[in-house]
């Protein structure tokens, strides 16, 4: 069955640079063989995406349409992957800005400044040259994609949709009239709910969605937040006594 736009599909993928270096994969064995499985928290497993929704690189998203279940190889030009390098994203930053943070930048150091990922290129003359381009900008890439199945179960589809957006949905309940009740750990603003529902109506066969707060998950989240706040207050108090 050929894949269409808005289909949900489960895939494994492995991405390689032009010279064959694996930089990303969902396959655990491939991750271990290429030194990508250092973080014990990271899980390597197939992912579910909605085709045409930009949940994977643009080049792959477009090339999957019309393909069948099975294995495929794609070669991506730089503009289909992480784009071309942008000179405006290579910036000189005064060394004093780093010293204030107690940092000693060195070439090759990875940084996160205002939620922007960057790599230090050079250090000298009281200034630091930082490249905020994606490390693979201006690179052509090769991907192996295995389409394992087309996902038709509504609960799986909706959970995957929220998972890709990294929104904390705890459960989906599908009623007999095909109403999907979405449980979240906190109350989502109505404008966000409406925008999500519009997207979901386009890509699923369901006509009605409801949002409900998962009271148990909310209580757990609030308890954890309260404990963190108390711990932070305790540490601050101890720190002030040390001085």
C-alpha atoms as a PDB file:
ATOM      1  CA  UNK A   1       0.000   0.000   0.000  1.00  0.00           C
ATOM      2  CA  UNK A   2       1.554   3.307  -1.091  1.00  0.00           C
ATOM      3  CA  UNK A   3       2.154   5.896   1.620  1.00  0.00           C
ATOM      4  CA  UNK A   4       0.086   9.084   1.361  1.00  0.00           C
ATOM      5  CA  UNK A   5       0.394  12.500   2.954  1.00  0.00           C
ATOM      6  CA  UNK A   6      -1.154  12.516   6.471  1.00  0.00           C
ATOM      7  CA  UNK A   7      -0.593   8.754   6.891  1.00  0.00           C
ATOM      8  CA  UNK A   8       0.880   7.711  10.226  1.00  0.00           C
ATOM      9  CA  UNK A   9       3.771   5.297   9.744  1.00  0.00           C
ATOM     10  CA  UNK A  10       6.171   3.497  12.078  1.00  0.00           C
ATOM     11  CA  UNK A  11       9.780   3.751  10.920  1.00  0.00           C
ATOM     12  CA  UNK A  12      13.359   2.936  11.825  1.00  0.00           C
ATOM     13  CA  UNK A  13      16.025   5.204  10.386  1.00  0.00           C
ATOM     14  CA  UNK A  14      19.791   5.619  10.249  1.00  0.00           C
ATOM     15  CA  UNK A  15      21.471   8.814   9.037  1.00  0.00           C
ATOM     16  CA  UNK A  16      25.032   8.982   7.681  1.00  0.00           C
ATOM     17  CA  UNK A  17      27.298  11.828   6.555  1.00  0.00           C
ATOM     18  CA  UNK A  18      28.848  11.839   3.068  1.00  0.00           C
ATOM     19  CA  UNK A  19      31.850   9.910   4.396  1.00  0.00           C
ATOM     20  CA  UNK A  20      29.703   7.205   5.993  1.00  0.00           C
ATOM     21  CA  UNK A  21      29.753   8.311   9.649  1.00  0.00           C
ATOM     22  CA  UNK A  22      26.509   7.398  11.480  1.00  0.00           C
ATOM     23  CA  UNK A  23      25.242  10.468  13.368  1.00  0.00           C
ATOM     24  CA  UNK A  24      21.689   9.409  14.227  1.00  0.00           C
ATOM     25  CA  UNK A  25      19.709   6.171  14.374  1.00  0.00           C
ATOM     26  CA  UNK A  26      16.676   4.548  15.986  1.00  0.00           C
ATOM     27  CA  UNK A  27      18.280   1.070  15.789  1.00  0.00           C
ATOM     28  CA  UNK A  28      19.904   0.018  19.079  1.00  0.00           C
ATOM     29  CA  UNK A  29      22.469  -2.332  17.508  1.00  0.00           C
ATOM     30  CA  UNK A  30      23.569   0.342  15.007  1.00  0.00           C
ATOM     31  CA  UNK A  31      23.834   2.867  17.873  1.00  0.00           C
ATOM     32  CA  UNK A  32      26.069   0.518  19.887  1.00  0.00           C
ATOM     33  CA  UNK A  33      28.280  -0.282  16.890  1.00  0.00           C
ATOM     34  CA  UNK A  34      28.819   3.427  16.191  1.00  0.00           C
ATOM     35  CA  UNK A  35      29.321   4.726  19.731  1.00  0.00           C
ATOM     36  CA  UNK A  36      25.961   6.487  19.983  1.00  0.00           C
ATOM     37  CA  UNK A  37      24.601   4.475  22.914  1.00  0.00           C
ATOM     38  CA  UNK A  38      26.548   6.257  25.687  1.00  0.00           C
ATOM     39  CA  UNK A  39      23.501   7.715  27.430  1.00  0.00           C
ATOM     40  CA  UNK A  40      21.682   4.908  29.339  1.00  0.00           C
ATOM     41  CA  UNK A  41      18.529   7.096  29.443  1.00  0.00           C
ATOM     42  CA  UNK A  42      18.260   7.249  25.653  1.00  0.00           C
ATOM     43  CA  UNK A  43      15.998   4.625  24.126  1.00  0.00           C
ATOM     44  CA  UNK A  44      16.570   3.408  20.568  1.00  0.00           C
ATOM     45  CA  UNK A  45      13.293   2.219  19.071  1.00  0.00           C
ATOM     46  CA  UNK A  46      11.061   2.812  16.022  1.00  0.00           C
ATOM     47  CA  UNK A  47       9.175   6.110  15.889  1.00  0.00           C
ATOM     48  CA  UNK A  48       5.719   6.941  14.574  1.00  0.00           C
ATOM     49  CA  UNK A  49       5.454  10.031  12.364  1.00  0.00           C
ATOM     50  CA  UNK A  50       2.678  11.722  10.418  1.00  0.00           C
ATOM     51  CA  UNK A  51       3.856  12.024   6.812  1.00  0.00           C
ATOM     52  CA  UNK A  52       3.961  15.564   5.459  1.00  0.00           C
ATOM     53  CA  UNK A  53       3.808  17.236   8.898  1.00  0.00           C
ATOM     54  CA  UNK A  54       7.489  18.129   9.146  1.00  0.00           C
ATOM     55  CA  UNK A  55       8.144  15.632  11.941  1.00  0.00           C
ATOM     56  CA  UNK A  56      11.234  14.392  10.108  1.00  0.00           C
ATOM     57  CA  UNK A  57      13.705  16.063   7.732  1.00  0.00           C
ATOM     58  CA  UNK A  58      11.994  17.786   4.801  1.00  0.00           C
ATOM     59  CA  UNK A  59      13.717  15.640   2.156  1.00  0.00           C
ATOM     60  CA  UNK A  60      12.654  12.376   3.777  1.00  0.00           C
ATOM     61  CA  UNK A  61       9.133  13.658   4.474  1.00  0.00           C
ATOM     62  CA  UNK A  62       8.567  14.345   0.762  1.00  0.00           C
ATOM     63  CA  UNK A  63      10.373  11.244  -0.545  1.00  0.00           C
ATOM     64  CA  UNK A  64       8.275   8.866   1.593  1.00  0.00           C
ATOM     65  CA  UNK A  65       5.046   9.780  -0.224  1.00  0.00           C
ATOM     66  CA  UNK A  66       4.266   7.059  -2.763  1.00  0.00           C
ATOM     67  CA  UNK A  67       6.668   4.533  -1.215  1.00  0.00           C
ATOM     68  CA  UNK A  68       5.592   1.137   0.170  1.00  0.00           C
ATOM     69  CA  UNK A  69       6.246  -0.672   3.442  1.00  0.00           C
ATOM     70  CA  UNK A  70       9.841  -1.921   3.453  1.00  0.00           C
ATOM     71  CA  UNK A  71      13.392  -0.551   3.272  1.00  0.00           C
ATOM     72  CA  UNK A  72      14.394   2.555   1.314  1.00  0.00           C
ATOM     73  CA  UNK A  73      17.587   4.576   0.803  1.00  0.00           C
ATOM     74  CA  UNK A  74      17.491   8.358   0.320  1.00  0.00           C
ATOM     75  CA  UNK A  75      20.258  10.804  -0.576  1.00  0.00           C
ATOM     76  CA  UNK A  76      19.508  14.305   0.698  1.00  0.00           C
ATOM     77  CA  UNK A  77      20.967  17.553  -0.629  1.00  0.00           C
ATOM     78  CA  UNK A  78      21.904  20.062   2.081  1.00  0.00           C
ATOM     79  CA  UNK A  79      18.725  22.124   1.526  1.00  0.00           C
ATOM     80  CA  UNK A  80      16.611  18.958   2.053  1.00  0.00           C
ATOM     81  CA  UNK A  81      18.400  18.236   5.348  1.00  0.00           C
ATOM     82  CA  UNK A  82      19.767  20.892   7.742  1.00  0.00           C
ATOM     83  CA  UNK A  83      20.066  23.699   5.195  1.00  0.00           C
ATOM     84  CA  UNK A  84      23.069  25.732   4.124  1.00  0.00           C
ATOM     85  CA  UNK A  85      25.345  27.486   6.601  1.00  0.00           C
ATOM     86  CA  UNK A  86      24.149  30.992   7.461  1.00  0.00           C
ATOM     87  CA  UNK A  87      26.959  33.513   7.996  1.00  0.00           C
ATOM     88  CA  UNK A  88      24.727  35.489  10.381  1.00  0.00           C
ATOM     89  CA  UNK A  89      24.784  32.526  12.765  1.00  0.00           C
ATOM     90  CA  UNK A  90      28.571  32.740  13.170  1.00  0.00           C
ATOM     91  CA  UNK A  91      29.052  35.339  15.902  1.00  0.00           C
ATOM     92  CA  UNK A  92      31.873  37.045  17.822  1.00  0.00           C
ATOM     93  CA  UNK A  93      31.116  37.185  21.546  1.00  0.00           C
ATOM     94  CA  UNK A  94      33.273  39.086  24.094  1.00  0.00           C
ATOM     95  CA  UNK A  95      35.283  36.790  26.373  1.00  0.00           C
ATOM     96  CA  UNK A  96      33.943  38.829  29.326  1.00  0.00           C
ATOM     97  CA  UNK A  97      30.443  37.418  28.693  1.00  0.00           C
ATOM     98  CA  UNK A  98      31.791  33.903  29.325  1.00  0.00           C
ATOM     99  CA  UNK A  99      33.922  34.908  32.312  1.00  0.00           C
ATOM    100  CA  UNK A 100      30.810  36.318  34.021  1.00  0.00           C
ATOM    101  CA  UNK A 101      29.321  32.815  33.795  1.00  0.00           C
ATOM    102  CA  UNK A 102      32.522  31.225  35.103  1.00  0.00           C
ATOM    103  CA  UNK A 103      33.183  29.621  31.706  1.00  0.00           C
ATOM    104  CA  UNK A 104      36.510  29.157  29.962  1.00  0.00           C
ATOM    105  CA  UNK A 105      35.670  28.602  26.265  1.00  0.00           C
ATOM    106  CA  UNK A 106      38.005  26.442  24.158  1.00  0.00           C
ATOM    107  CA  UNK A 107      37.841  25.567  20.419  1.00  0.00           C
ATOM    108  CA  UNK A 108      35.450  22.650  19.885  1.00  0.00           C
ATOM    109  CA  UNK A 109      33.486  23.315  23.093  1.00  0.00           C
ATOM    110  CA  UNK A 110      29.718  22.859  22.725  1.00  0.00           C
ATOM    111  CA  UNK A 111      27.556  25.620  24.181  1.00  0.00           C
ATOM    112  CA  UNK A 112      23.899  26.318  24.821  1.00  0.00           C
ATOM    113  CA  UNK A 113      23.249  30.063  24.915  1.00  0.00           C
ATOM    114  CA  UNK A 114      19.620  31.225  25.222  1.00  0.00           C
ATOM    115  CA  UNK A 115      18.476  27.788  23.996  1.00  0.00           C
ATOM    116  CA  UNK A 116      20.719  28.101  20.924  1.00  0.00           C
ATOM    117  CA  UNK A 117      23.245  25.317  20.378  1.00  0.00           C
ATOM    118  CA  UNK A 118      26.685  26.470  19.235  1.00  0.00           C
ATOM    119  CA  UNK A 119      30.283  25.308  18.835  1.00  0.00           C
ATOM    120  CA  UNK A 120      33.318  27.446  19.732  1.00  0.00           C
ATOM    121  CA  UNK A 121      35.498  27.882  16.627  1.00  0.00           C
ATOM    122  CA  UNK A 122      38.307  30.185  17.791  1.00  0.00           C
ATOM    123  CA  UNK A 123      39.351  32.035  20.935  1.00  0.00           C
ATOM    124  CA  UNK A 124      41.645  35.074  20.911  1.00  0.00           C
ATOM    125  CA  UNK A 125      42.000  38.818  21.311  1.00  0.00           C
ATOM    126  CA  UNK A 126      39.414  38.877  24.079  1.00  0.00           C
ATOM    127  CA  UNK A 127      36.746  37.473  21.737  1.00  0.00           C
ATOM    128  CA  UNK A 128      35.201  34.086  21.039  1.00  0.00           C
ATOM    129  CA  UNK A 129      33.934  32.987  17.611  1.00  0.00           C
ATOM    130  CA  UNK A 130      30.850  30.769  18.014  1.00  0.00           C
ATOM    131  CA  UNK A 131      29.070  28.938  15.175  1.00  0.00           C
ATOM    132  CA  UNK A 132      25.328  28.565  15.887  1.00  0.00           C
ATOM    133  CA  UNK A 133      24.638  26.719  12.615  1.00  0.00           C
ATOM    134  CA  UNK A 134      23.550  23.087  12.882  1.00  0.00           C
ATOM    135  CA  UNK A 135      26.741  20.952  12.840  1.00  0.00           C
ATOM    136  CA  UNK A 136      25.486  19.257   9.663  1.00  0.00           C
ATOM    137  CA  UNK A 137      24.466  22.459   7.823  1.00  0.00           C
ATOM    138  CA  UNK A 138      25.778  22.482   4.207  1.00  0.00           C
ATOM    139  CA  UNK A 139      26.239  18.675   4.315  1.00  0.00           C
ATOM    140  CA  UNK A 140      24.671  16.118   1.993  1.00  0.00           C
ATOM    141  CA  UNK A 141      23.342  13.121   3.934  1.00  0.00           C
ATOM    142  CA  UNK A 142      22.341   9.511   3.321  1.00  0.00           C
ATOM    143  CA  UNK A 143      19.438   7.882   5.138  1.00  0.00           C
ATOM    144  CA  UNK A 144      18.266   4.293   5.368  1.00  0.00           C
ATOM    145  CA  UNK A 145      14.560   4.185   6.240  1.00  0.00           C
ATOM    146  CA  UNK A 146      12.604   1.061   7.106  1.00  0.00           C
ATOM    147  CA  UNK A 147       8.840   1.606   6.967  1.00  0.00           C
ATOM    148  CA  UNK A 148       7.564  -1.077   9.331  1.00  0.00           C
ATOM    149  CA  UNK A 149       3.811  -0.430   9.063  1.00  0.00           C
ATOM    150  CA  UNK A 150       1.064   2.086   8.441  1.00  0.00           C
ATOM    151  CA  UNK A 151      -0.504   2.955  11.810  1.00  0.00           C
ATOM    152  CA  UNK A 152      -4.305   3.004  11.733  1.00  0.00           C
ATOM    153  CA  UNK A 153      -5.137   2.762  15.467  1.00  0.00           C
ATOM    154  CA  UNK A 154      -6.475   6.159  16.576  1.00  0.00           C
ATOM    155  CA  UNK A 155      -5.006   5.972  20.090  1.00  0.00           C
ATOM    156  CA  UNK A 156      -1.536   5.215  18.685  1.00  0.00           C
ATOM    157  CA  UNK A 157      -1.873   8.015  16.136  1.00  0.00           C
ATOM    158  CA  UNK A 158      -2.837  10.659  18.693  1.00  0.00           C
ATOM    159  CA  UNK A 159      -0.223   9.603  21.265  1.00  0.00           C
ATOM    160  CA  UNK A 160       2.445   9.737  18.540  1.00  0.00           C
ATOM    161  CA  UNK A 161       1.226  13.168  17.424  1.00  0.00           C
ATOM    162  CA  UNK A 162       1.590  14.572  20.948  1.00  0.00           C
ATOM    163  CA  UNK A 163       4.864  12.742  21.486  1.00  0.00           C
ATOM    164  CA  UNK A 164       6.397  14.451  18.446  1.00  0.00           C
ATOM    165  CA  UNK A 165       5.285  17.833  19.845  1.00  0.00           C
ATOM    166  CA  UNK A 166       6.666  16.854  23.278  1.00  0.00           C
ATOM    167  CA  UNK A 167       3.381  17.720  24.985  1.00  0.00           C
ATOM    168  CA  UNK A 168       2.666  15.850  28.252  1.00  0.00           C
ATOM    169  CA  UNK A 169      -0.355  13.739  27.355  1.00  0.00           C
ATOM    170  CA  UNK A 170      -0.906  10.891  29.825  1.00  0.00           C
ATOM    171  CA  UNK A 171      -3.610   8.887  28.061  1.00  0.00           C
ATOM    172  CA  UNK A 172      -6.087   8.770  25.165  1.00  0.00           C
ATOM    173  CA  UNK A 173      -9.546   7.257  25.578  1.00  0.00           C
ATOM    174  CA  UNK A 174     -11.555   6.498  22.433  1.00  0.00           C
ATOM    175  CA  UNK A 175     -15.316   6.292  23.040  1.00  0.00           C
ATOM    176  CA  UNK A 176     -17.829   4.283  21.010  1.00  0.00           C
ATOM    177  CA  UNK A 177     -18.909   7.343  19.043  1.00  0.00           C
ATOM    178  CA  UNK A 178     -15.221   7.802  18.050  1.00  0.00           C
ATOM    179  CA  UNK A 179     -14.762  10.804  20.342  1.00  0.00           C
ATOM    180  CA  UNK A 180     -11.130  10.925  21.448  1.00  0.00           C
ATOM    181  CA  UNK A 181     -10.676  12.140  25.023  1.00  0.00           C
ATOM    182  CA  UNK A 182      -7.150  13.454  25.581  1.00  0.00           C
ATOM    183  CA  UNK A 183      -5.858  13.490  29.165  1.00  0.00           C
ATOM    184  CA  UNK A 184      -3.073  15.931  30.052  1.00  0.00           C
ATOM    185  CA  UNK A 185      -1.153  16.631  33.264  1.00  0.00           C
ATOM    186  CA  UNK A 186      -2.127  20.293  33.060  1.00  0.00           C
ATOM    187  CA  UNK A 187      -4.847  22.502  31.585  1.00  0.00           C
ATOM    188  CA  UNK A 188      -3.827  23.510  28.061  1.00  0.00           C
ATOM    189  CA  UNK A 189      -4.836  27.041  26.978  1.00  0.00           C
ATOM    190  CA  UNK A 190      -7.897  26.970  24.698  1.00  0.00           C
ATOM    191  CA  UNK A 191      -6.048  28.493  21.729  1.00  0.00           C
ATOM    192  CA  UNK A 192      -3.477  25.660  21.893  1.00  0.00           C
ATOM    193  CA  UNK A 193      -6.250  23.061  22.208  1.00  0.00           C
ATOM    194  CA  UNK A 194      -8.060  24.527  19.168  1.00  0.00           C
ATOM    195  CA  UNK A 195      -4.881  24.582  17.036  1.00  0.00           C
ATOM    196  CA  UNK A 196      -4.049  20.971  17.928  1.00  0.00           C
ATOM    197  CA  UNK A 197      -7.621  19.822  17.253  1.00  0.00           C
ATOM    198  CA  UNK A 198      -7.578  21.465  13.802  1.00  0.00           C
ATOM    199  CA  UNK A 199      -4.396  19.536  12.970  1.00  0.00           C
ATOM    200  CA  UNK A 200      -5.768  16.265  14.332  1.00  0.00           C
ATOM    201  CA  UNK A 201      -9.044  16.615  12.385  1.00  0.00           C
ATOM    202  CA  UNK A 202      -7.020  16.826   9.161  1.00  0.00           C
ATOM    203  CA  UNK A 203      -4.907  13.733   9.789  1.00  0.00           C
ATOM    204  CA  UNK A 204      -7.250  11.317  11.611  1.00  0.00           C
ATOM    205  CA  UNK A 205     -10.685   9.950  10.846  1.00  0.00           C
ATOM    206  CA  UNK A 206     -12.094  11.272  14.124  1.00  0.00           C
ATOM    207  CA  UNK A 207     -14.551  14.149  14.129  1.00  0.00           C
ATOM    208  CA  UNK A 208     -14.500  15.060  17.812  1.00  0.00           C
ATOM    209  CA  UNK A 209     -11.809  15.631  20.414  1.00  0.00           C
ATOM    210  CA  UNK A 210     -12.073  16.581  24.073  1.00  0.00           C
ATOM    211  CA  UNK A 211      -9.328  17.643  26.480  1.00  0.00           C
ATOM    212  CA  UNK A 212      -9.449  16.691  30.160  1.00  0.00           C
ATOM    213  CA  UNK A 213      -7.004  17.232  32.992  1.00  0.00           C
ATOM    214  CA  UNK A 214      -5.556  14.023  34.434  1.00  0.00           C
ATOM    215  CA  UNK A 215      -6.044  14.959  38.097  1.00  0.00           C
ATOM    216  CA  UNK A 216      -3.745  12.218  39.406  1.00  0.00           C
ATOM    217  CA  UNK A 217      -0.900  13.202  37.061  1.00  0.00           C
ATOM    218  CA  UNK A 218      -1.492  16.890  37.861  1.00  0.00           C
ATOM    219  CA  UNK A 219      -1.222  16.200  41.608  1.00  0.00           C
ATOM    220  CA  UNK A 220       1.987  14.218  41.052  1.00  0.00           C
ATOM    221  CA  UNK A 221       3.453  17.024  38.926  1.00  0.00           C
ATOM    222  CA  UNK A 222       2.550  19.654  41.534  1.00  0.00           C
ATOM    223  CA  UNK A 223       4.015  17.478  44.326  1.00  0.00           C
ATOM    224  CA  UNK A 224       7.297  17.080  42.418  1.00  0.00           C
ATOM    225  CA  UNK A 225       7.454  20.818  41.669  1.00  0.00           C
ATOM    226  CA  UNK A 226       6.828  21.610  45.351  1.00  0.00           C
ATOM    227  CA  UNK A 227       9.587  19.205  46.459  1.00  0.00           C
ATOM    228  CA  UNK A 228      12.027  20.763  43.984  1.00  0.00           C
ATOM    229  CA  UNK A 229      11.139  24.255  45.232  1.00  0.00           C
ATOM    230  CA  UNK A 230      11.711  23.209  48.863  1.00  0.00           C
ATOM    231  CA  UNK A 231      15.052  21.607  47.983  1.00  0.00           C
ATOM    232  CA  UNK A 232      16.127  24.718  46.093  1.00  0.00           C
ATOM    233  CA  UNK A 233      15.101  26.934  49.029  1.00  0.00           C
ATOM    234  CA  UNK A 234      17.043  24.693  51.433  1.00  0.00           C
ATOM    235  CA  UNK A 235      20.185  24.834  49.275  1.00  0.00           C
ATOM    236  CA  UNK A 236      19.903  28.619  48.940  1.00  0.00           C
ATOM    237  CA  UNK A 237      19.540  28.926  52.725  1.00  0.00           C
ATOM    238  CA  UNK A 238      22.582  26.714  53.348  1.00  0.00           C
ATOM    239  CA  UNK A 239      24.593  28.632  50.737  1.00  0.00           C
ATOM    240  CA  UNK A 240      23.777  31.997  52.389  1.00  0.00           C
ATOM    241  CA  UNK A 241      24.916  30.602  55.785  1.00  0.00           C
ATOM    242  CA  UNK A 242      28.217  29.466  54.249  1.00  0.00           C
ATOM    243  CA  UNK A 243      28.938  33.085  53.370  1.00  0.00           C
END
